[in-house]
Amino acid sequence: MQSTKHDTFNNRLTTAAKAKEALLERFRARPGPDDPAVIARMAEQKAIAEARDQRAAERKAAKEAEAARLAAEKAAHEAELAAQAREAAARQVEAAARAIELEAEHKARALALAAEQKAARDARYAARQARRK
């Protein structure tokens, strides 16, 4: 690299003009849109973009399928929970009915026992009264 201390203004102008000319030449040397290399590169880029889009569509379809599967599992689980809740409610109703039946039986036995005891008491009273007469 050359030192810029001893460059004159004209040298710097010429160097800048040469650099601009080199850039312009590089731009002009680029192949045109009808060049086979450019067409091949564009076709390759298009194929890559299509493959990318296809992979994205496959990922989207997989996500949707997974979401549908999870929704179905959730619905099945909720249905199972609802069935278990119904069974538990039925068991509670059955237990309550059984408790009512047992309570009724207990009351009936208590009433029968009370009636039997009263009958026995009345019989004893009647026997006592008969002995006194």
N, C-alpha and C. Protein backbone atom coordinates (compact mmCIF):
# COMPACT_ATOMS: atom_id res chain seq x y z
N MET A 1 0.84 -1.17 0.00
CA MET A 1 0.00 0.00 0.00
C MET A 1 0.88 1.24 0.00
N GLN A 2 0.49 2.16 -0.79
CA GLN A 2 1.29 3.37 -0.92
C GLN A 2 0.89 4.38 0.13
N SER A 3 1.80 5.20 0.45
CA SER A 3 1.54 6.24 1.42
C SER A 3 0.77 7.36 0.75
N THR A 4 -0.17 7.94 1.43
CA THR A 4 -0.98 9.01 0.84
C THR A 4 -0.44 10.38 1.19
N LYS A 5 0.68 10.44 1.92
CA LYS A 5 1.23 11.75 2.31
C LYS A 5 1.78 12.49 1.11
N HIS A 6 2.38 11.77 0.18
CA HIS A 6 3.04 12.43 -0.94
C HIS A 6 2.18 12.45 -2.19
N ASP A 7 0.92 12.00 -2.09
CA ASP A 7 0.02 12.05 -3.24
C ASP A 7 -0.42 13.49 -3.46
N THR A 8 -0.54 13.75 -4.69
CA THR A 8 -1.06 15.08 -5.02
C THR A 8 -2.55 14.97 -5.24
N PHE A 9 -3.19 16.11 -5.36
CA PHE A 9 -4.63 16.12 -5.56
C PHE A 9 -5.00 15.44 -6.87
N ASN A 10 -4.22 15.66 -7.90
CA ASN A 10 -4.50 15.05 -9.20
C ASN A 10 -4.35 13.53 -9.13
N ASN A 11 -3.35 13.07 -8.39
CA ASN A 11 -3.19 11.61 -8.25
C ASN A 11 -4.41 11.00 -7.56
N ARG A 12 -4.89 11.65 -6.53
CA ARG A 12 -6.07 11.14 -5.82
C ARG A 12 -7.29 11.16 -6.72
N LEU A 13 -7.44 12.20 -7.55
CA LEU A 13 -8.56 12.26 -8.49
C LEU A 13 -8.48 11.14 -9.50
N THR A 14 -7.28 10.87 -10.01
CA THR A 14 -7.12 9.80 -10.99
C THR A 14 -7.40 8.45 -10.36
N THR A 15 -6.93 8.26 -9.16
CA THR A 15 -7.17 6.98 -8.48
C THR A 15 -8.67 6.78 -8.25
N ALA A 16 -9.37 7.81 -7.84
CA ALA A 16 -10.82 7.71 -7.62
C ALA A 16 -11.54 7.43 -8.93
N ALA A 17 -11.11 8.07 -10.01
CA ALA A 17 -11.73 7.85 -11.32
C ALA A 17 -11.50 6.43 -11.78
N LYS A 18 -10.28 5.91 -11.57
CA LYS A 18 -9.98 4.52 -11.95
C LYS A 18 -10.84 3.55 -11.15
N ALA A 19 -11.01 3.82 -9.87
CA ALA A 19 -11.84 2.94 -9.03
C ALA A 19 -13.28 2.94 -9.52
N LYS A 20 -13.79 4.12 -9.86
CA LYS A 20 -15.16 4.21 -10.37
C LYS A 20 -15.29 3.47 -11.69
N GLU A 21 -14.28 3.61 -12.54
CA GLU A 21 -14.29 2.92 -13.83
C GLU A 21 -14.24 1.42 -13.65
N ALA A 22 -13.45 0.94 -12.67
CA ALA A 22 -13.37 -0.50 -12.40
C ALA A 22 -14.72 -1.02 -11.93
N LEU A 23 -15.39 -0.26 -11.08
CA LEU A 23 -16.73 -0.65 -10.62
C LEU A 23 -17.72 -0.71 -11.79
N LEU A 24 -17.63 0.28 -12.66
CA LEU A 24 -18.51 0.32 -13.82
C LEU A 24 -18.24 -0.86 -14.74
N GLU A 25 -16.97 -1.21 -14.94
CA GLU A 25 -16.61 -2.36 -15.78
C GLU A 25 -17.14 -3.66 -15.17
N ARG A 26 -17.02 -3.77 -13.84
CA ARG A 26 -17.54 -4.97 -13.17
C ARG A 26 -19.05 -5.07 -13.34
N PHE A 27 -19.72 -3.93 -13.28
CA PHE A 27 -21.17 -3.92 -13.47
C PHE A 27 -21.54 -4.31 -14.89
N ARG A 28 -20.78 -3.77 -15.86
CA ARG A 28 -21.07 -4.09 -17.27
C ARG A 28 -20.75 -5.53 -17.61
N ALA A 29 -19.77 -6.12 -16.89
CA ALA A 29 -19.35 -7.49 -17.18
C ALA A 29 -20.32 -8.53 -16.61
N ARG A 30 -21.23 -8.09 -15.76
CA ARG A 30 -22.20 -9.03 -15.20
C ARG A 30 -23.05 -9.61 -16.31
N PRO A 31 -23.43 -10.89 -16.17
CA PRO A 31 -24.25 -11.50 -17.21
C PRO A 31 -25.67 -10.93 -17.18
N GLY A 32 -26.31 -10.88 -18.31
CA GLY A 32 -27.66 -10.34 -18.44
C GLY A 32 -28.70 -11.35 -17.99
N PRO A 33 -29.97 -10.94 -17.98
CA PRO A 33 -31.02 -11.83 -17.52
C PRO A 33 -31.28 -13.00 -18.46
N ASP A 34 -30.81 -12.92 -19.69
CA ASP A 34 -31.03 -14.03 -20.62
C ASP A 34 -29.83 -14.97 -20.68
N ASP A 35 -28.85 -14.76 -19.83
CA ASP A 35 -27.65 -15.62 -19.77
C ASP A 35 -28.05 -16.96 -19.15
N PRO A 36 -27.55 -18.08 -19.71
CA PRO A 36 -27.92 -19.40 -19.18
C PRO A 36 -27.53 -19.59 -17.70
N ALA A 37 -26.40 -19.01 -17.28
CA ALA A 37 -25.98 -19.15 -15.89
C ALA A 37 -26.98 -18.45 -14.96
N VAL A 38 -27.44 -17.26 -15.39
CA VAL A 38 -28.42 -16.52 -14.59
C VAL A 38 -29.74 -17.29 -14.55
N ILE A 39 -30.16 -17.81 -15.68
CA ILE A 39 -31.41 -18.58 -15.75
C ILE A 39 -31.32 -19.81 -14.86
N ALA A 40 -30.17 -20.50 -14.90
CA ALA A 40 -29.98 -21.69 -14.07
C ALA A 40 -30.01 -21.32 -12.59
N ARG A 41 -29.34 -20.21 -12.23
CA ARG A 41 -29.31 -19.78 -10.84
C ARG A 41 -30.72 -19.40 -10.36
N MET A 42 -31.49 -18.72 -11.21
CA MET A 42 -32.86 -18.34 -10.85
C MET A 42 -33.75 -19.58 -10.68
N ALA A 43 -33.55 -20.57 -11.57
CA ALA A 43 -34.33 -21.81 -11.46
C ALA A 43 -33.98 -22.53 -10.17
N GLU A 44 -32.70 -22.55 -9.82
CA GLU A 44 -32.27 -23.19 -8.58
C GLU A 44 -32.87 -22.47 -7.37
N GLN A 45 -32.86 -21.15 -7.40
CA GLN A 45 -33.44 -20.38 -6.30
C GLN A 45 -34.95 -20.63 -6.19
N LYS A 46 -35.60 -20.75 -7.36
CA LYS A 46 -37.04 -21.01 -7.35
C LYS A 46 -37.32 -22.40 -6.76
N ALA A 47 -36.49 -23.40 -7.13
CA ALA A 47 -36.67 -24.75 -6.59
C ALA A 47 -36.44 -24.76 -5.09
N ILE A 48 -35.45 -24.01 -4.63
CA ILE A 48 -35.18 -23.94 -3.19
C ILE A 48 -36.36 -23.30 -2.47
N ALA A 49 -36.91 -22.21 -3.05
CA ALA A 49 -38.05 -21.53 -2.43
C ALA A 49 -39.27 -22.45 -2.39
N GLU A 50 -39.50 -23.20 -3.47
CA GLU A 50 -40.64 -24.13 -3.50
C GLU A 50 -40.47 -25.23 -2.46
N ALA A 51 -39.25 -25.75 -2.33
CA ALA A 51 -38.99 -26.79 -1.32
C ALA A 51 -39.20 -26.22 0.08
N ARG A 52 -38.77 -24.99 0.31
CA ARG A 52 -38.96 -24.34 1.61
C ARG A 52 -40.45 -24.18 1.91
N ASP A 53 -41.21 -23.74 0.91
CA ASP A 53 -42.66 -23.58 1.09
C ASP A 53 -43.33 -24.92 1.37
N GLN A 54 -42.88 -25.96 0.67
CA GLN A 54 -43.45 -27.29 0.88
C GLN A 54 -43.16 -27.78 2.30
N ARG A 55 -41.91 -27.57 2.78
CA ARG A 55 -41.58 -27.99 4.15
C ARG A 55 -42.41 -27.20 5.17
N ALA A 56 -42.62 -25.92 4.89
CA ALA A 56 -43.44 -25.11 5.80
C ALA A 56 -44.88 -25.62 5.82
N ALA A 57 -45.40 -25.98 4.65
CA ALA A 57 -46.77 -26.51 4.58
C ALA A 57 -46.86 -27.85 5.32
N GLU A 58 -45.82 -28.68 5.18
CA GLU A 58 -45.81 -29.97 5.90
C GLU A 58 -45.77 -29.74 7.41
N ARG A 59 -44.95 -28.78 7.85
CA ARG A 59 -44.88 -28.48 9.28
C ARG A 59 -46.23 -27.97 9.79
N LYS A 60 -46.87 -27.12 8.99
CA LYS A 60 -48.18 -26.58 9.37
C LYS A 60 -49.21 -27.70 9.47
N ALA A 61 -49.19 -28.61 8.49
CA ALA A 61 -50.13 -29.73 8.51
C ALA A 61 -49.87 -30.63 9.73
N ALA A 62 -48.59 -30.85 10.05
CA ALA A 62 -48.25 -31.67 11.20
C ALA A 62 -48.72 -31.00 12.50
N LYS A 63 -48.54 -29.68 12.59
CA LYS A 63 -49.00 -28.96 13.78
C LYS A 63 -50.51 -29.05 13.90
N GLU A 64 -51.22 -28.90 12.78
CA GLU A 64 -52.68 -28.97 12.81
C GLU A 64 -53.15 -30.37 13.20
N ALA A 65 -52.46 -31.40 12.68
CA ALA A 65 -52.82 -32.77 13.04
C ALA A 65 -52.57 -33.02 14.52
N GLU A 66 -51.46 -32.50 15.03
CA GLU A 66 -51.15 -32.66 16.45
C GLU A 66 -52.19 -31.92 17.31
N ALA A 67 -52.57 -30.73 16.88
CA ALA A 67 -53.59 -29.97 17.61
C ALA A 67 -54.93 -30.71 17.60
N ALA A 68 -55.28 -31.30 16.47
CA ALA A 68 -56.53 -32.06 16.39
C ALA A 68 -56.47 -33.29 17.30
N ARG A 69 -55.31 -33.96 17.31
CA ARG A 69 -55.15 -35.14 18.17
C ARG A 69 -55.27 -34.75 19.64
N LEU A 70 -54.62 -33.64 20.01
CA LEU A 70 -54.69 -33.19 21.40
C LEU A 70 -56.11 -32.79 21.77
N ALA A 71 -56.82 -32.15 20.84
CA ALA A 71 -58.21 -31.77 21.10
C ALA A 71 -59.08 -33.01 21.29
N ALA A 72 -58.85 -34.03 20.46
CA ALA A 72 -59.62 -35.27 20.60
C ALA A 72 -59.32 -35.95 21.93
N GLU A 73 -58.04 -35.98 22.31
CA GLU A 73 -57.67 -36.57 23.60
C GLU A 73 -58.31 -35.80 24.74
N LYS A 74 -58.31 -34.48 24.65
CA LYS A 74 -58.89 -33.65 25.70
C LYS A 74 -60.39 -33.91 25.79
N ALA A 75 -61.06 -33.99 24.64
CA ALA A 75 -62.50 -34.25 24.63
C ALA A 75 -62.80 -35.63 25.23
N ALA A 76 -61.99 -36.62 24.88
CA ALA A 76 -62.19 -37.97 25.43
C ALA A 76 -61.98 -37.95 26.95
N HIS A 77 -60.95 -37.24 27.38
CA HIS A 77 -60.67 -37.16 28.82
C HIS A 77 -61.81 -36.46 29.55
N GLU A 78 -62.32 -35.37 28.97
CA GLU A 78 -63.43 -34.65 29.59
C GLU A 78 -64.69 -35.52 29.62
N ALA A 79 -64.91 -36.30 28.56
CA ALA A 79 -66.07 -37.20 28.55
C ALA A 79 -65.92 -38.26 29.63
N GLU A 80 -64.70 -38.77 29.79
CA GLU A 80 -64.45 -39.78 30.82
C GLU A 80 -64.68 -39.18 32.22
N LEU A 81 -64.20 -37.94 32.42
CA LEU A 81 -64.43 -37.28 33.70
C LEU A 81 -65.92 -37.06 33.96
N ALA A 82 -66.65 -36.69 32.91
CA ALA A 82 -68.08 -36.48 33.06
C ALA A 82 -68.78 -37.80 33.42
N ALA A 83 -68.36 -38.89 32.77
CA ALA A 83 -68.95 -40.19 33.08
C ALA A 83 -68.64 -40.59 34.52
N GLN A 84 -67.42 -40.34 34.96
CA GLN A 84 -67.06 -40.66 36.35
C GLN A 84 -67.88 -39.81 37.32
N ALA A 85 -68.10 -38.54 36.96
CA ALA A 85 -68.90 -37.67 37.82
C ALA A 85 -70.35 -38.17 37.89
N ARG A 86 -70.88 -38.61 36.73
CA ARG A 86 -72.25 -39.15 36.74
C ARG A 86 -72.33 -40.41 37.60
N GLU A 87 -71.31 -41.28 37.47
CA GLU A 87 -71.30 -42.50 38.28
C GLU A 87 -71.22 -42.16 39.77
N ALA A 88 -70.38 -41.18 40.12
CA ALA A 88 -70.25 -40.79 41.52
C ALA A 88 -71.57 -40.22 42.03
N ALA A 89 -72.24 -39.40 41.21
CA ALA A 89 -73.53 -38.85 41.60
C ALA A 89 -74.56 -39.97 41.79
N ALA A 90 -74.55 -40.94 40.90
CA ALA A 90 -75.49 -42.07 41.01
C ALA A 90 -75.20 -42.86 42.30
N ARG A 91 -73.91 -43.06 42.61
CA ARG A 91 -73.56 -43.77 43.85
C ARG A 91 -74.02 -42.97 45.07
N GLN A 92 -73.89 -41.64 45.01
CA GLN A 92 -74.32 -40.82 46.13
C GLN A 92 -75.84 -40.91 46.30
N VAL A 93 -76.56 -40.85 45.19
CA VAL A 93 -78.02 -40.96 45.25
C VAL A 93 -78.40 -42.32 45.82
N GLU A 94 -77.72 -43.36 45.35
CA GLU A 94 -78.00 -44.71 45.83
C GLU A 94 -77.70 -44.83 47.33
N ALA A 95 -76.58 -44.24 47.75
CA ALA A 95 -76.22 -44.29 49.16
C ALA A 95 -77.24 -43.52 50.00
N ALA A 96 -77.68 -42.37 49.49
CA ALA A 96 -78.68 -41.60 50.22
C ALA A 96 -79.99 -42.38 50.32
N ALA A 97 -80.38 -43.03 49.22
CA ALA A 97 -81.61 -43.83 49.24
C ALA A 97 -81.47 -44.98 50.24
N ARG A 98 -80.32 -45.62 50.25
CA ARG A 98 -80.07 -46.73 51.18
C ARG A 98 -80.11 -46.22 52.63
N ALA A 99 -79.52 -45.02 52.84
CA ALA A 99 -79.54 -44.45 54.18
C ALA A 99 -80.97 -44.15 54.62
N ILE A 100 -81.78 -43.64 53.69
CA ILE A 100 -83.18 -43.37 54.01
C ILE A 100 -83.91 -44.66 54.32
N GLU A 101 -83.63 -45.71 53.53
CA GLU A 101 -84.27 -47.01 53.78
C GLU A 101 -83.87 -47.54 55.15
N LEU A 102 -82.57 -47.44 55.45
CA LEU A 102 -82.09 -47.94 56.75
C LEU A 102 -82.71 -47.15 57.89
N GLU A 103 -82.81 -45.84 57.69
CA GLU A 103 -83.42 -45.01 58.73
C GLU A 103 -84.89 -45.37 58.90
N ALA A 104 -85.57 -45.61 57.78
CA ALA A 104 -86.98 -46.00 57.85
C ALA A 104 -87.12 -47.35 58.54
N GLU A 105 -86.25 -48.30 58.20
CA GLU A 105 -86.28 -49.62 58.85
C GLU A 105 -86.03 -49.47 60.35
N HIS A 106 -85.05 -48.62 60.67
CA HIS A 106 -84.72 -48.41 62.07
C HIS A 106 -85.92 -47.82 62.81
N LYS A 107 -86.57 -46.81 62.20
CA LYS A 107 -87.75 -46.21 62.83
C LYS A 107 -88.87 -47.23 62.96
N ALA A 108 -89.06 -48.05 61.91
CA ALA A 108 -90.12 -49.07 61.95
C ALA A 108 -89.83 -50.08 63.06
N ARG A 109 -88.55 -50.50 63.18
CA ARG A 109 -88.19 -51.44 64.25
C ARG A 109 -88.39 -50.80 65.62
N ALA A 110 -88.02 -49.52 65.70
CA ALA A 110 -88.19 -48.83 66.99
C ALA A 110 -89.66 -48.73 67.34
N LEU A 111 -90.50 -48.39 66.34
CA LEU A 111 -91.94 -48.31 66.59
C LEU A 111 -92.51 -49.67 66.96
N ALA A 112 -92.06 -50.71 66.25
CA ALA A 112 -92.53 -52.07 66.55
C ALA A 112 -92.10 -52.47 67.96
N LEU A 113 -90.86 -52.16 68.31
CA LEU A 113 -90.36 -52.49 69.64
C LEU A 113 -91.15 -51.72 70.71
N ALA A 114 -91.42 -50.44 70.42
CA ALA A 114 -92.19 -49.65 71.38
C ALA A 114 -93.60 -50.21 71.53
N ALA A 115 -94.21 -50.60 70.40
CA ALA A 115 -95.55 -51.18 70.46
C ALA A 115 -95.54 -52.50 71.22
N GLU A 116 -94.51 -53.30 71.00
CA GLU A 116 -94.38 -54.59 71.68
C GLU A 116 -94.18 -54.37 73.18
N GLN A 117 -93.34 -53.40 73.52
CA GLN A 117 -93.11 -53.10 74.92
C GLN A 117 -94.39 -52.59 75.58
N LYS A 118 -95.13 -51.73 74.84
CA LYS A 118 -96.39 -51.21 75.38
C LYS A 118 -97.38 -52.35 75.57
N ALA A 119 -97.44 -53.25 74.59
CA ALA A 119 -98.35 -54.38 74.70
C ALA A 119 -97.98 -55.24 75.91
N ALA A 120 -96.68 -55.46 76.12
CA ALA A 120 -96.23 -56.25 77.26
C ALA A 120 -96.58 -55.53 78.57
N ARG A 121 -96.37 -54.23 78.61
CA ARG A 121 -96.68 -53.43 79.79
C ARG A 121 -98.18 -53.48 80.08
N ASP A 122 -98.97 -53.33 79.01
CA ASP A 122 -100.42 -53.37 79.15
C ASP A 122 -100.86 -54.76 79.64
N ALA A 123 -100.20 -55.79 79.13
CA ALA A 123 -100.55 -57.16 79.55
C ALA A 123 -100.21 -57.33 81.02
N ARG A 124 -99.06 -56.82 81.46
CA ARG A 124 -98.68 -56.92 82.87
C ARG A 124 -99.67 -56.15 83.75
N TYR A 125 -100.06 -54.97 83.26
CA TYR A 125 -101.02 -54.15 84.01
C TYR A 125 -102.37 -54.88 84.12
N ALA A 126 -102.78 -55.46 82.99
CA ALA A 126 -104.05 -56.17 82.97
C ALA A 126 -103.99 -57.39 83.89
N ALA A 127 -102.85 -58.07 83.93
CA ALA A 127 -102.69 -59.24 84.79
C ALA A 127 -102.74 -58.82 86.26
N ARG A 128 -102.09 -57.72 86.56
CA ARG A 128 -102.09 -57.20 87.92
C ARG A 128 -103.53 -56.84 88.33
N GLN A 129 -104.21 -56.17 87.42
CA GLN A 129 -105.58 -55.77 87.71
C GLN A 129 -106.47 -57.00 87.88
N ALA A 130 -106.21 -58.04 87.11
CA ALA A 130 -107.01 -59.27 87.21
C ALA A 130 -106.73 -59.97 88.54
N ARG A 131 -105.50 -59.92 89.01
CA ARG A 131 -105.15 -60.56 90.26
C ARG A 131 -105.81 -59.82 91.43
N ARG A 132 -105.97 -58.53 91.32
CA ARG A 132 -106.55 -57.73 92.40
C ARG A 132 -108.05 -57.95 92.50
N LYS A 133 -108.69 -58.32 91.48
CA LYS A 133 -110.15 -58.46 91.49
C LYS A 133 -110.54 -59.76 92.00
